Amino acid sequence: MPAIDSGQRVHHCQVLLYNLSIFFELVAMYLCPHCKKPGISSVQKLCSVSYTPAVCTFCRRQSYLHVNTAIRALITWAILTWIFIGIALYEQMAIYMIGTIPALLLAVDKYMLRAQLHCL
């Protein structure tokens, strides 16, 4: 069995910490537009639209994401998915279809989690 030097250990630790930071970013709390406190969870933010708003755990007021942010995320994901489908068909390798999962995460992160909540 080959020995692992300290440089490889540091690299593995950095990769682990990066993966943990992504996980904790998904369960992060976001600032309420009313009280400016971190009282809205990621799931609430992703599911919040004008008819099912997110409720802040501190001030109990409601906020939502504009529908355009969801449409942008959906269009981005659809375009990236078709790119991966094209690559998979061209290369005749279905494994490229797995790229649609990171494409979905990218679209959700870029357009929905980073979007500004609006007061209701």
PDB file of N, CA and C in Angstrom:
ATOM      1  N   MET A   1       0.849  -1.180   0.000  1.00  0.00           N
ATOM      2  CA  MET A   1       0.000   0.000   0.000  1.00  0.00           C
ATOM      3  C   MET A   1       0.893   1.241   0.000  1.00  0.00           C
ATOM      4  N   PRO A   2       0.655   2.186  -0.920  1.00  0.00           N
ATOM      5  CA  PRO A   2       1.491   3.381  -0.964  1.00  0.00           C
ATOM      6  C   PRO A   2       1.229   4.285   0.236  1.00  0.00           C
ATOM      7  N   ALA A   3       2.287   4.931   0.675  1.00  0.00           N
ATOM      8  CA  ALA A   3       2.174   5.850   1.816  1.00  0.00           C
ATOM      9  C   ALA A   3       1.562   7.171   1.346  1.00  0.00           C
ATOM     10  N   ILE A   4       0.759   7.772   2.216  1.00  0.00           N
ATOM     11  CA  ILE A   4       0.135   9.064   1.930  1.00  0.00           C
ATOM     12  C   ILE A   4       0.962  10.143   2.603  1.00  0.00           C
ATOM     13  N   ASP A   5       1.484  11.079   1.820  1.00  0.00           N
ATOM     14  CA  ASP A   5       2.272  12.153   2.408  1.00  0.00           C
ATOM     15  C   ASP A   5       1.357  13.246   2.959  1.00  0.00           C
ATOM     16  N   SER A   6       1.953  14.196   3.647  1.00  0.00           N
ATOM     17  CA  SER A   6       1.144  15.231   4.311  1.00  0.00           C
ATOM     18  C   SER A   6       0.443  16.139   3.300  1.00  0.00           C
ATOM     19  N   GLY A   7       1.025  16.324   2.114  1.00  0.00           N
ATOM     20  CA  GLY A   7       0.379  17.147   1.091  1.00  0.00           C
ATOM     21  C   GLY A   7      -0.924  16.546   0.619  1.00  0.00           C
ATOM     22  N   GLN A   8      -0.950  15.220   0.461  1.00  0.00           N
ATOM     23  CA  GLN A   8      -2.180  14.548   0.051  1.00  0.00           C
ATOM     24  C   GLN A   8      -3.230  14.618   1.153  1.00  0.00           C
ATOM     25  N   ARG A   9      -2.791  14.505   2.407  1.00  0.00           N
ATOM     26  CA  ARG A   9      -3.739  14.601   3.526  1.00  0.00           C
ATOM     27  C   ARG A   9      -4.378  15.984   3.572  1.00  0.00           C
ATOM     28  N   VAL A  10      -3.554  17.007   3.367  1.00  0.00           N
ATOM     29  CA  VAL A  10      -4.080  18.366   3.375  1.00  0.00           C
ATOM     30  C   VAL A  10      -5.091  18.528   2.246  1.00  0.00           C
ATOM     31  N   HIS A  11      -4.767  17.988   1.065  1.00  0.00           N
ATOM     32  CA  HIS A  11      -5.689  18.086  -0.069  1.00  0.00           C
ATOM     33  C   HIS A  11      -7.008  17.379   0.247  1.00  0.00           C
ATOM     34  N   HIS A  12      -6.945  16.172   0.837  1.00  0.00           N
ATOM     35  CA  HIS A  12      -8.172  15.450   1.183  1.00  0.00           C
ATOM     36  C   HIS A  12      -8.988  16.208   2.216  1.00  0.00           C
ATOM     37  N   CYS A  13      -8.326  16.832   3.169  1.00  0.00           N
ATOM     38  CA  CYS A  13      -9.038  17.625   4.178  1.00  0.00           C
ATOM     39  C   CYS A  13      -9.699  18.843   3.542  1.00  0.00           C
ATOM     40  N   GLN A  14      -9.011  19.472   2.595  1.00  0.00           N
ATOM     41  CA  GLN A  14      -9.594  20.630   1.919  1.00  0.00           C
ATOM     42  C   GLN A  14     -10.831  20.233   1.123  1.00  0.00           C
ATOM     43  N   VAL A  15     -10.771  19.089   0.435  1.00  0.00           N
ATOM     44  CA  VAL A  15     -11.925  18.611  -0.324  1.00  0.00           C
ATOM     45  C   VAL A  15     -13.081  18.315   0.618  1.00  0.00           C
ATOM     46  N   LEU A  16     -12.797  17.672   1.751  1.00  0.00           N
ATOM     47  CA  LEU A  16     -13.846  17.361   2.729  1.00  0.00           C
ATOM     48  C   LEU A  16     -14.474  18.637   3.277  1.00  0.00           C
ATOM     49  N   LEU A  17     -13.654  19.609   3.630  1.00  0.00           N
ATOM     50  CA  LEU A  17     -14.183  20.869   4.154  1.00  0.00           C
ATOM     51  C   LEU A  17     -15.011  21.602   3.107  1.00  0.00           C
ATOM     52  N   TYR A  18     -14.577  21.558   1.848  1.00  0.00           N
ATOM     53  CA  TYR A  18     -15.346  22.196   0.782  1.00  0.00           C
ATOM     54  C   TYR A  18     -16.710  21.540   0.634  1.00  0.00           C
ATOM     55  N   ASN A  19     -16.739  20.201   0.651  1.00  0.00           N
ATOM     56  CA  ASN A  19     -18.009  19.488   0.538  1.00  0.00           C
ATOM     57  C   ASN A  19     -18.918  19.776   1.723  1.00  0.00           C
ATOM     58  N   LEU A  20     -18.353  19.860   2.915  1.00  0.00           N
ATOM     59  CA  LEU A  20     -19.161  20.195   4.097  1.00  0.00           C
ATOM     60  C   LEU A  20     -19.694  21.618   4.004  1.00  0.00           C
ATOM     61  N   SER A  21     -18.889  22.542   3.469  1.00  0.00           N
ATOM     62  CA  SER A  21     -19.366  23.921   3.358  1.00  0.00           C
ATOM     63  C   SER A  21     -20.535  24.013   2.384  1.00  0.00           C
ATOM     64  N   ILE A  22     -20.503  23.219   1.299  1.00  0.00           N
ATOM     65  CA  ILE A  22     -21.628  23.201   0.366  1.00  0.00           C
ATOM     66  C   ILE A  22     -22.871  22.661   1.064  1.00  0.00           C
ATOM     67  N   PHE A  23     -22.713  21.579   1.855  1.00  0.00           N
ATOM     68  CA  PHE A  23     -23.860  21.016   2.565  1.00  0.00           C
ATOM     69  C   PHE A  23     -24.445  22.029   3.526  1.00  0.00           C
ATOM     70  N   PHE A  24     -23.596  22.698   4.308  1.00  0.00           N
ATOM     71  CA  PHE A  24     -24.116  23.657   5.275  1.00  0.00           C
ATOM     72  C   PHE A  24     -24.700  24.883   4.599  1.00  0.00           C
ATOM     73  N   GLU A  25     -24.232  25.197   3.377  1.00  0.00           N
ATOM     74  CA  GLU A  25     -24.831  26.299   2.634  1.00  0.00           C
ATOM     75  C   GLU A  25     -26.263  25.951   2.236  1.00  0.00           C
ATOM     76  N   LEU A  26     -26.517  24.654   1.970  1.00  0.00           N
ATOM     77  CA  LEU A  26     -27.864  24.234   1.604  1.00  0.00           C
ATOM     78  C   LEU A  26     -28.826  24.296   2.789  1.00  0.00           C
ATOM     79  N   VAL A  27     -28.308  24.148   4.012  1.00  0.00           N
ATOM     80  CA  VAL A  27     -29.180  24.209   5.189  1.00  0.00           C
ATOM     81  C   VAL A  27     -29.010  25.539   5.917  1.00  0.00           C
ATOM     82  N   ALA A  28     -28.474  26.524   5.225  1.00  0.00           N
ATOM     83  CA  ALA A  28     -28.223  27.834   5.818  1.00  0.00           C
ATOM     84  C   ALA A  28     -29.525  28.575   6.067  1.00  0.00           C
ATOM     85  N   MET A  29     -29.445  29.581   6.894  1.00  0.00           N
ATOM     86  CA  MET A  29     -30.569  30.462   7.140  1.00  0.00           C
ATOM     87  C   MET A  29     -30.305  31.772   6.407  1.00  0.00           C
ATOM     88  N   TYR A  30     -31.353  32.352   5.846  1.00  0.00           N
ATOM     89  CA  TYR A  30     -31.237  33.566   5.050  1.00  0.00           C
ATOM     90  C   TYR A  30     -31.903  34.730   5.761  1.00  0.00           C
ATOM     91  N   LEU A  31     -31.434  35.931   5.438  1.00  0.00           N
ATOM     92  CA  LEU A  31     -31.925  37.138   6.101  1.00  0.00           C
ATOM     93  C   LEU A  31     -33.362  37.450   5.693  1.00  0.00           C
ATOM     94  N   CYS A  32     -34.146  37.771   6.690  1.00  0.00           N
ATOM     95  CA  CYS A  32     -35.518  38.217   6.466  1.00  0.00           C
ATOM     96  C   CYS A  32     -35.461  39.659   5.957  1.00  0.00           C
ATOM     97  N   PRO A  33     -36.224  40.003   4.920  1.00  0.00           N
ATOM     98  CA  PRO A  33     -36.192  41.388   4.426  1.00  0.00           C
ATOM     99  C   PRO A  33     -36.844  42.376   5.390  1.00  0.00           C
ATOM    100  N   HIS A  34     -37.601  41.889   6.359  1.00  0.00           N
ATOM    101  CA  HIS A  34     -38.267  42.774   7.318  1.00  0.00           C
ATOM    102  C   HIS A  34     -37.361  43.106   8.504  1.00  0.00           C
ATOM    103  N   CYS A  35     -36.917  42.067   9.228  1.00  0.00           N
ATOM    104  CA  CYS A  35     -36.159  42.284  10.461  1.00  0.00           C
ATOM    105  C   CYS A  35     -34.647  42.158  10.272  1.00  0.00           C
ATOM    106  N   LYS A  36     -34.195  41.737   9.094  1.00  0.00           N
ATOM    107  CA  LYS A  36     -32.772  41.587   8.758  1.00  0.00           C
ATOM    108  C   LYS A  36     -32.058  40.562   9.642  1.00  0.00           C
ATOM    109  N   LYS A  37     -32.786  39.576  10.170  1.00  0.00           N
ATOM    110  CA  LYS A  37     -32.204  38.486  10.956  1.00  0.00           C
ATOM    111  C   LYS A  37     -32.284  37.199  10.139  1.00  0.00           C
ATOM    112  N   PRO A  38     -31.376  36.238  10.382  1.00  0.00           N
ATOM    113  CA  PRO A  38     -31.386  34.979   9.619  1.00  0.00           C
ATOM    114  C   PRO A  38     -32.514  34.061  10.088  1.00  0.00           C
ATOM    115  N   GLY A  39     -33.718  34.302   9.616  1.00  0.00           N
ATOM    116  CA  GLY A  39     -34.872  33.550  10.082  1.00  0.00           C
ATOM    117  C   GLY A  39     -35.601  32.753   9.018  1.00  0.00           C
ATOM    118  N   ILE A  40     -35.012  32.619   7.820  1.00  0.00           N
ATOM    119  CA  ILE A  40     -35.681  31.885   6.737  1.00  0.00           C
ATOM    120  C   ILE A  40     -34.751  30.776   6.262  1.00  0.00           C
ATOM    121  N   SER A  41     -35.223  29.544   6.294  1.00  0.00           N
ATOM    122  CA  SER A  41     -34.396  28.403   5.905  1.00  0.00           C
ATOM    123  C   SER A  41     -34.315  28.283   4.385  1.00  0.00           C
ATOM    124  N   SER A  42     -33.376  27.469   3.912  1.00  0.00           N
ATOM    125  CA  SER A  42     -33.202  27.250   2.472  1.00  0.00           C
ATOM    126  C   SER A  42     -34.447  26.651   1.847  1.00  0.00           C
ATOM    127  N   VAL A  43     -35.038  25.683   2.517  1.00  0.00           N
ATOM    128  CA  VAL A  43     -36.233  25.026   1.977  1.00  0.00           C
ATOM    129  C   VAL A  43     -37.382  26.020   1.876  1.00  0.00           C
ATOM    130  N   GLN A  44     -37.549  26.842   2.910  1.00  0.00           N
ATOM    131  CA  GLN A  44     -38.590  27.863   2.861  1.00  0.00           C
ATOM    132  C   GLN A  44     -38.341  28.825   1.702  1.00  0.00           C
ATOM    133  N   LYS A  45     -37.082  29.223   1.523  1.00  0.00           N
ATOM    134  CA  LYS A  45     -36.760  30.173   0.463  1.00  0.00           C
ATOM    135  C   LYS A  45     -37.021  29.564  -0.911  1.00  0.00           C
ATOM    136  N   LEU A  46     -36.639  28.303  -1.104  1.00  0.00           N
ATOM    137  CA  LEU A  46     -36.836  27.657  -2.395  1.00  0.00           C
ATOM    138  C   LEU A  46     -38.314  27.463  -2.718  1.00  0.00           C
ATOM    139  N   CYS A  47     -39.144  27.271  -1.702  1.00  0.00           N
ATOM    140  CA  CYS A  47     -40.573  27.013  -1.915  1.00  0.00           C
ATOM    141  C   CYS A  47     -41.428  28.266  -1.815  1.00  0.00           C
ATOM    142  N   SER A  48     -40.798  29.411  -1.570  1.00  0.00           N
ATOM    143  CA  SER A  48     -41.592  30.621  -1.338  1.00  0.00           C
ATOM    144  C   SER A  48     -41.938  31.326  -2.638  1.00  0.00           C
ATOM    145  N   VAL A  49     -43.207  31.433  -2.870  1.00  0.00           N
ATOM    146  CA  VAL A  49     -43.748  32.253  -3.951  1.00  0.00           C
ATOM    147  C   VAL A  49     -44.849  33.100  -3.329  1.00  0.00           C
ATOM    148  N   SER A  50     -45.477  33.939  -4.098  1.00  0.00           N
ATOM    149  CA  SER A  50     -46.429  34.873  -3.512  1.00  0.00           C
ATOM    150  C   SER A  50     -47.610  34.189  -2.823  1.00  0.00           C
ATOM    151  N   TYR A  51     -48.026  33.009  -3.284  1.00  0.00           N
ATOM    152  CA  TYR A  51     -49.169  32.348  -2.642  1.00  0.00           C
ATOM    153  C   TYR A  51     -48.755  31.347  -1.559  1.00  0.00           C
ATOM    154  N   THR A  52     -47.464  31.028  -1.418  1.00  0.00           N
ATOM    155  CA  THR A  52     -46.958  30.225  -0.295  1.00  0.00           C
ATOM    156  C   THR A  52     -45.676  30.886   0.226  1.00  0.00           C
ATOM    157  N   PRO A  53     -45.790  32.016   0.892  1.00  0.00           N
ATOM    158  CA  PRO A  53     -44.600  32.765   1.302  1.00  0.00           C
ATOM    159  C   PRO A  53     -43.836  32.086   2.437  1.00  0.00           C
ATOM    160  N   ALA A  54     -42.577  32.468   2.546  1.00  0.00           N
ATOM    161  CA  ALA A  54     -41.741  32.017   3.663  1.00  0.00           C
ATOM    162  C   ALA A  54     -42.052  32.885   4.875  1.00  0.00           C
ATOM    163  N   VAL A  55     -42.039  32.261   6.050  1.00  0.00           N
ATOM    164  CA  VAL A  55     -42.334  32.981   7.290  1.00  0.00           C
ATOM    165  C   VAL A  55     -41.060  33.031   8.133  1.00  0.00           C
ATOM    166  N   CYS A  56     -40.675  34.211   8.537  1.00  0.00           N
ATOM    167  CA  CYS A  56     -39.481  34.405   9.361  1.00  0.00           C
ATOM    168  C   CYS A  56     -39.722  33.825  10.760  1.00  0.00           C
ATOM    169  N   THR A  57     -38.720  33.134  11.294  1.00  0.00           N
ATOM    170  CA  THR A  57     -38.856  32.552  12.632  1.00  0.00           C
ATOM    171  C   THR A  57     -38.733  33.603  13.730  1.00  0.00           C
ATOM    172  N   PHE A  58     -38.219  34.781  13.407  1.00  0.00           N
ATOM    173  CA  PHE A  58     -38.061  35.833  14.408  1.00  0.00           C
ATOM    174  C   PHE A  58     -39.262  36.775  14.448  1.00  0.00           C
ATOM    175  N   CYS A  59     -39.594  37.382  13.312  1.00  0.00           N
ATOM    176  CA  CYS A  59     -40.651  38.396  13.317  1.00  0.00           C
ATOM    177  C   CYS A  59     -42.001  37.870  12.815  1.00  0.00           C
ATOM    178  N   ARG A  60     -42.044  36.644  12.301  1.00  0.00           N
ATOM    179  CA  ARG A  60     -43.276  35.989  11.817  1.00  0.00           C
ATOM    180  C   ARG A  60     -43.906  36.706  10.620  1.00  0.00           C
ATOM    181  N   ARG A  61     -43.157  37.570   9.960  1.00  0.00           N
ATOM    182  CA  ARG A  61     -43.686  38.237   8.769  1.00  0.00           C
ATOM    183  C   ARG A  61     -43.351  37.407   7.537  1.00  0.00           C
ATOM    184  N   GLN A  62     -44.070  37.650   6.459  1.00  0.00           N
ATOM    185  CA  GLN A  62     -43.942  36.826   5.269  1.00  0.00           C
ATOM    186  C   GLN A  62     -43.135  37.520   4.173  1.00  0.00           C
ATOM    187  N   SER A  63     -42.400  36.688   3.406  1.00  0.00           N
ATOM    188  CA  SER A  63     -41.652  37.179   2.256  1.00  0.00           C
ATOM    189  C   SER A  63     -41.633  36.089   1.187  1.00  0.00           C
ATOM    190  N   TYR A  64     -41.275  36.470  -0.028  1.00  0.00           N
ATOM    191  CA  TYR A  64     -41.339  35.514  -1.135  1.00  0.00           C
ATOM    192  C   TYR A  64     -40.275  35.840  -2.180  1.00  0.00           C
ATOM    193  N   LEU A  65     -40.004  34.853  -3.048  1.00  0.00           N
ATOM    194  CA  LEU A  65     -39.156  35.055  -4.207  1.00  0.00           C
ATOM    195  C   LEU A  65     -40.034  35.395  -5.398  1.00  0.00           C
ATOM    196  N   HIS A  66     -39.581  36.299  -6.221  1.00  0.00           N
ATOM    197  CA  HIS A  66     -40.334  36.642  -7.420  1.00  0.00           C
ATOM    198  C   HIS A  66     -40.309  35.455  -8.377  1.00  0.00           C
ATOM    199  N   VAL A  67     -41.376  35.260  -9.113  1.00  0.00           N
ATOM    200  CA  VAL A  67     -41.501  34.110 -10.008  1.00  0.00           C
ATOM    201  C   VAL A  67     -40.433  34.122 -11.100  1.00  0.00           C
ATOM    202  N   ASN A  68     -39.905  35.287 -11.448  1.00  0.00           N
ATOM    203  CA  ASN A  68     -38.865  35.361 -12.478  1.00  0.00           C
ATOM    204  C   ASN A  68     -37.600  34.610 -12.076  1.00  0.00           C
ATOM    205  N   THR A  69     -37.304  34.574 -10.783  1.00  0.00           N
ATOM    206  CA  THR A  69     -36.109  33.840 -10.351  1.00  0.00           C
ATOM    207  C   THR A  69     -36.267  32.346 -10.606  1.00  0.00           C
ATOM    208  N   ALA A  70     -37.440  31.815 -10.364  1.00  0.00           N
ATOM    209  CA  ALA A  70     -37.687  30.396 -10.626  1.00  0.00           C
ATOM    210  C   ALA A  70     -37.668  30.104 -12.119  1.00  0.00           C
ATOM    211  N   ILE A  71     -38.190  31.026 -12.908  1.00  0.00           N
ATOM    212  CA  ILE A  71     -38.189  30.833 -14.364  1.00  0.00           C
ATOM    213  C   ILE A  71     -36.752  30.846 -14.890  1.00  0.00           C
ATOM    214  N   ARG A  72     -35.921  31.754 -14.391  1.00  0.00           N
ATOM    215  CA  ARG A  72     -34.509  31.781 -14.809  1.00  0.00           C
ATOM    216  C   ARG A  72     -33.803  30.489 -14.440  1.00  0.00           C
ATOM    217  N   ALA A  73     -34.051  29.989 -13.234  1.00  0.00           N
ATOM    218  CA  ALA A  73     -33.425  28.729 -12.810  1.00  0.00           C
ATOM    219  C   ALA A  73     -33.881  27.575 -13.694  1.00  0.00           C
ATOM    220  N   LEU A  74     -35.161  27.533 -14.008  1.00  0.00           N
ATOM    221  CA  LEU A  74     -35.701  26.470 -14.852  1.00  0.00           C
ATOM    222  C   LEU A  74     -35.122  26.525 -16.261  1.00  0.00           C
ATOM    223  N   ILE A  75     -35.030  27.714 -16.835  1.00  0.00           N
ATOM    224  CA  ILE A  75     -34.477  27.857 -18.185  1.00  0.00           C
ATOM    225  C   ILE A  75     -33.001  27.475 -18.205  1.00  0.00           C
ATOM    226  N   THR A  76     -32.247  27.907 -17.198  1.00  0.00           N
ATOM    227  CA  THR A  76     -30.829  27.552 -17.115  1.00  0.00           C
ATOM    228  C   THR A  76     -30.656  26.049 -17.026  1.00  0.00           C
ATOM    229  N   TRP A  77     -31.444  25.416 -16.165  1.00  0.00           N
ATOM    230  CA  TRP A  77     -31.354  23.969 -16.017  1.00  0.00           C
ATOM    231  C   TRP A  77     -31.743  23.257 -17.308  1.00  0.00           C
ATOM    232  N   ALA A  78     -32.779  23.722 -17.979  1.00  0.00           N
ATOM    233  CA  ALA A  78     -33.217  23.088 -19.227  1.00  0.00           C
ATOM    234  C   ALA A  78     -32.136  23.199 -20.302  1.00  0.00           C
ATOM    235  N   ILE A  79     -31.527  24.363 -20.433  1.00  0.00           N
ATOM    236  CA  ILE A  79     -30.470  24.540 -21.438  1.00  0.00           C
ATOM    237  C   ILE A  79     -29.278  23.634 -21.148  1.00  0.00           C
ATOM    238  N   LEU A  80     -28.840  23.626 -19.882  1.00  0.00           N
ATOM    239  CA  LEU A  80     -27.713  22.767 -19.519  1.00  0.00           C
ATOM    240  C   LEU A  80     -28.052  21.288 -19.694  1.00  0.00           C
ATOM    241  N   THR A  81     -29.287  20.906 -19.400  1.00  0.00           N
ATOM    242  CA  THR A  81     -29.703  19.517 -19.580  1.00  0.00           C
ATOM    243  C   THR A  81     -29.637  19.120 -21.048  1.00  0.00           C
ATOM    244  N   TRP A  82     -30.117  19.985 -21.931  1.00  0.00           N
ATOM    245  CA  TRP A  82     -30.066  19.674 -23.360  1.00  0.00           C
ATOM    246  C   TRP A  82     -28.634  19.625 -23.867  1.00  0.00           C
ATOM    247  N   ILE A  83     -27.757  20.428 -23.295  1.00  0.00           N
ATOM    248  CA  ILE A  83     -26.337  20.348 -23.663  1.00  0.00           C
ATOM    249  C   ILE A  83     -25.780  18.987 -23.274  1.00  0.00           C
ATOM    250  N   PHE A  84     -26.095  18.539 -22.051  1.00  0.00           N
ATOM    251  CA  PHE A  84     -25.611  17.221 -21.622  1.00  0.00           C
ATOM    252  C   PHE A  84     -26.239  16.093 -22.439  1.00  0.00           C
ATOM    253  N   ILE A  85     -27.490  16.221 -22.821  1.00  0.00           N
ATOM    254  CA  ILE A  85     -28.127  15.224 -23.685  1.00  0.00           C
ATOM    255  C   ILE A  85     -27.412  15.177 -25.035  1.00  0.00           C
ATOM    256  N   GLY A  86     -27.106  16.336 -25.598  1.00  0.00           N
ATOM    257  CA  GLY A  86     -26.384  16.390 -26.865  1.00  0.00           C
ATOM    258  C   GLY A  86     -25.015  15.748 -26.775  1.00  0.00           C
ATOM    259  N   ILE A  87     -24.293  16.032 -25.691  1.00  0.00           N
ATOM    260  CA  ILE A  87     -22.970  15.422 -25.495  1.00  0.00           C
ATOM    261  C   ILE A  87     -23.104  13.911 -25.354  1.00  0.00           C
ATOM    262  N   ALA A  88     -24.097  13.460 -24.587  1.00  0.00           N
ATOM    263  CA  ALA A  88     -24.288  12.017 -24.385  1.00  0.00           C
ATOM    264  C   ALA A  88     -24.623  11.327 -25.708  1.00  0.00           C
ATOM    265  N   LEU A  89     -25.452  11.954 -26.541  1.00  0.00           N
ATOM    266  CA  LEU A  89     -25.791  11.363 -27.836  1.00  0.00           C
ATOM    267  C   LEU A  89     -24.593  11.374 -28.782  1.00  0.00           C
ATOM    268  N   TYR A  90     -23.837  12.465 -28.784  1.00  0.00           N
ATOM    269  CA  TYR A  90     -22.681  12.575 -29.667  1.00  0.00           C
ATOM    270  C   TYR A  90     -21.604  11.559 -29.286  1.00  0.00           C
ATOM    271  N   GLU A  91     -21.331  11.454 -28.006  1.00  0.00           N
ATOM    272  CA  GLU A  91     -20.299  10.535 -27.526  1.00  0.00           C
ATOM    273  C   GLU A  91     -20.812   9.107 -27.368  1.00  0.00           C
ATOM    274  N   GLN A  92     -22.114   8.906 -27.464  1.00  0.00           N
ATOM    275  CA  GLN A  92     -22.776   7.618 -27.269  1.00  0.00           C
ATOM    276  C   GLN A  92     -22.413   7.014 -25.906  1.00  0.00           C
ATOM    277  N   MET A  93     -22.453   7.882 -24.901  1.00  0.00           N
ATOM    278  CA  MET A  93     -22.159   7.456 -23.532  1.00  0.00           C
ATOM    279  C   MET A  93     -23.195   8.091 -22.603  1.00  0.00           C
ATOM    280  N   ALA A  94     -24.055   7.271 -22.048  1.00  0.00           N
ATOM    281  CA  ALA A  94     -25.135   7.761 -21.197  1.00  0.00           C
ATOM    282  C   ALA A  94     -24.632   8.338 -19.879  1.00  0.00           C
ATOM    283  N   ILE A  95     -23.392   8.047 -19.506  1.00  0.00           N
ATOM    284  CA  ILE A  95     -22.859   8.535 -18.239  1.00  0.00           C
ATOM    285  C   ILE A  95     -22.832  10.067 -18.199  1.00  0.00           C
ATOM    286  N   TYR A  96     -22.769  10.704 -19.362  1.00  0.00           N
ATOM    287  CA  TYR A  96     -22.781  12.171 -19.399  1.00  0.00           C
ATOM    288  C   TYR A  96     -24.105  12.748 -18.906  1.00  0.00           C
ATOM    289  N   MET A  97     -25.146  11.942 -18.862  1.00  0.00           N
ATOM    290  CA  MET A  97     -26.445  12.422 -18.369  1.00  0.00           C
ATOM    291  C   MET A  97     -26.391  12.763 -16.882  1.00  0.00           C
ATOM    292  N   ILE A  98     -25.404  12.212 -16.170  1.00  0.00           N
ATOM    293  CA  ILE A  98     -25.272  12.522 -14.749  1.00  0.00           C
ATOM    294  C   ILE A  98     -24.975  14.013 -14.552  1.00  0.00           C
ATOM    295  N   GLY A  99     -24.502  14.687 -15.598  1.00  0.00           N
ATOM    296  CA  GLY A  99     -24.222  16.116 -15.513  1.00  0.00           C
ATOM    297  C   GLY A  99     -25.452  16.974 -15.310  1.00  0.00           C
ATOM    298  N   THR A 100     -26.636  16.401 -15.521  1.00  0.00           N
ATOM    299  CA  THR A 100     -27.850  17.188 -15.312  1.00  0.00           C
ATOM    300  C   THR A 100     -28.095  17.479 -13.832  1.00  0.00           C
ATOM    301  N   ILE A 101     -27.564  16.638 -12.956  1.00  0.00           N
ATOM    302  CA  ILE A 101     -27.751  16.868 -11.507  1.00  0.00           C
ATOM    303  C   ILE A 101     -26.962  18.092 -11.048  1.00  0.00           C
ATOM    304  N   PRO A 102     -25.653  18.182 -11.341  1.00  0.00           N
ATOM    305  CA  PRO A 102     -24.957  19.431 -10.987  1.00  0.00           C
ATOM    306  C   PRO A 102     -25.532  20.653 -11.702  1.00  0.00           C
ATOM    307  N   ALA A 103     -26.064  20.456 -12.900  1.00  0.00           N
ATOM    308  CA  ALA A 103     -26.681  21.581 -13.612  1.00  0.00           C
ATOM    309  C   ALA A 103     -27.883  22.103 -12.841  1.00  0.00           C
ATOM    310  N   LEU A 104     -28.690  21.194 -12.284  1.00  0.00           N
ATOM    311  CA  LEU A 104     -29.834  21.610 -11.471  1.00  0.00           C
ATOM    312  C   LEU A 104     -29.370  22.351 -10.221  1.00  0.00           C
ATOM    313  N   LEU A 105     -28.341  21.814  -9.546  1.00  0.00           N
ATOM    314  CA  LEU A 105     -27.828  22.469  -8.340  1.00  0.00           C
ATOM    315  C   LEU A 105     -27.257  23.849  -8.661  1.00  0.00           C
ATOM    316  N   LEU A 106     -26.570  23.965  -9.788  1.00  0.00           N
ATOM    317  CA  LEU A 106     -26.032  25.258 -10.201  1.00  0.00           C
ATOM    318  C   LEU A 106     -27.153  26.263 -10.444  1.00  0.00           C
ATOM    319  N   ALA A 107     -28.185  25.841 -11.149  1.00  0.00           N
ATOM    320  CA  ALA A 107     -29.298  26.746 -11.456  1.00  0.00           C
ATOM    321  C   ALA A 107     -30.023  27.187 -10.184  1.00  0.00           C
ATOM    322  N   VAL A 108     -30.262  26.242  -9.276  1.00  0.00           N
ATOM    323  CA  VAL A 108     -30.947  26.576  -8.022  1.00  0.00           C
ATOM    324  C   VAL A 108     -30.091  27.513  -7.183  1.00  0.00           C
ATOM    325  N   ASP A 109     -28.788  27.216  -7.098  1.00  0.00           N
ATOM    326  CA  ASP A 109     -27.909  28.053  -6.284  1.00  0.00           C
ATOM    327  C   ASP A 109     -27.764  29.449  -6.887  1.00  0.00           C
ATOM    328  N   LYS A 110     -27.521  29.518  -8.176  1.00  0.00           N
ATOM    329  CA  LYS A 110     -27.256  30.804  -8.817  1.00  0.00           C
ATOM    330  C   LYS A 110     -28.476  31.714  -8.853  1.00  0.00           C
ATOM    331  N   TYR A 111     -29.638  31.143  -9.111  1.00  0.00           N
ATOM    332  CA  TYR A 111     -30.805  31.999  -9.323  1.00  0.00           C
ATOM    333  C   TYR A 111     -31.790  32.025  -8.162  1.00  0.00           C
ATOM    334  N   MET A 112     -31.891  30.966  -7.379  1.00  0.00           N
ATOM    335  CA  MET A 112     -32.922  30.962  -6.331  1.00  0.00           C
ATOM    336  C   MET A 112     -32.346  31.236  -4.949  1.00  0.00           C
ATOM    337  N   LEU A 113     -31.254  30.571  -4.581  1.00  0.00           N
ATOM    338  CA  LEU A 113     -30.724  30.787  -3.239  1.00  0.00           C
ATOM    339  C   LEU A 113     -30.048  32.146  -3.094  1.00  0.00           C
ATOM    340  N   ARG A 114     -29.508  32.667  -4.175  1.00  0.00           N
ATOM    341  CA  ARG A 114     -28.847  33.976  -4.106  1.00  0.00           C
ATOM    342  C   ARG A 114     -29.793  35.138  -4.393  1.00  0.00           C
ATOM    343  N   ALA A 115     -31.021  34.843  -4.708  1.00  0.00           N
ATOM    344  CA  ALA A 115     -31.983  35.895  -5.040  1.00  0.00           C
ATOM    345  C   ALA A 115     -32.454  36.623  -3.780  1.00  0.00           C
ATOM    346  N   GLN A 116     -32.838  37.851  -3.967  1.00  0.00           N
ATOM    347  CA  GLN A 116     -33.349  38.678  -2.876  1.00  0.00           C
ATOM    348  C   GLN A 116     -34.808  38.345  -2.595  1.00  0.00           C
ATOM    349  N   LEU A 117     -35.150  38.152  -1.331  1.00  0.00           N
ATOM    350  CA  LEU A 117     -36.550  37.951  -0.940  1.00  0.00           C
ATOM    351  C   LEU A 117     -37.264  39.297  -0.956  1.00  0.00           C
ATOM    352  N   HIS A 118     -38.541  39.256  -1.295  1.00  0.00           N
ATOM    353  CA  HIS A 118     -39.357  40.467  -1.317  1.00  0.00           C
ATOM    354  C   HIS A 118     -40.362  40.423  -0.166  1.00  0.00           C
ATOM    355  N   CYS A 119     -40.668  41.585   0.377  1.00  0.00           N
ATOM    356  CA  CYS A 119     -41.642  41.684   1.465  1.00  0.00           C
ATOM    357  C   CYS A 119     -43.043  41.475   0.919  1.00  0.00           C
ATOM    358  N   LEU A 120     -43.859  40.822   1.707  1.00  0.00           N
ATOM    359  CA  LEU A 120     -45.253  40.591   1.320  1.00  0.00           C
ATOM    360  C   LEU A 120     -46.173  41.484   2.097  1.00  0.00           C
TER     361      LEU A 120
END
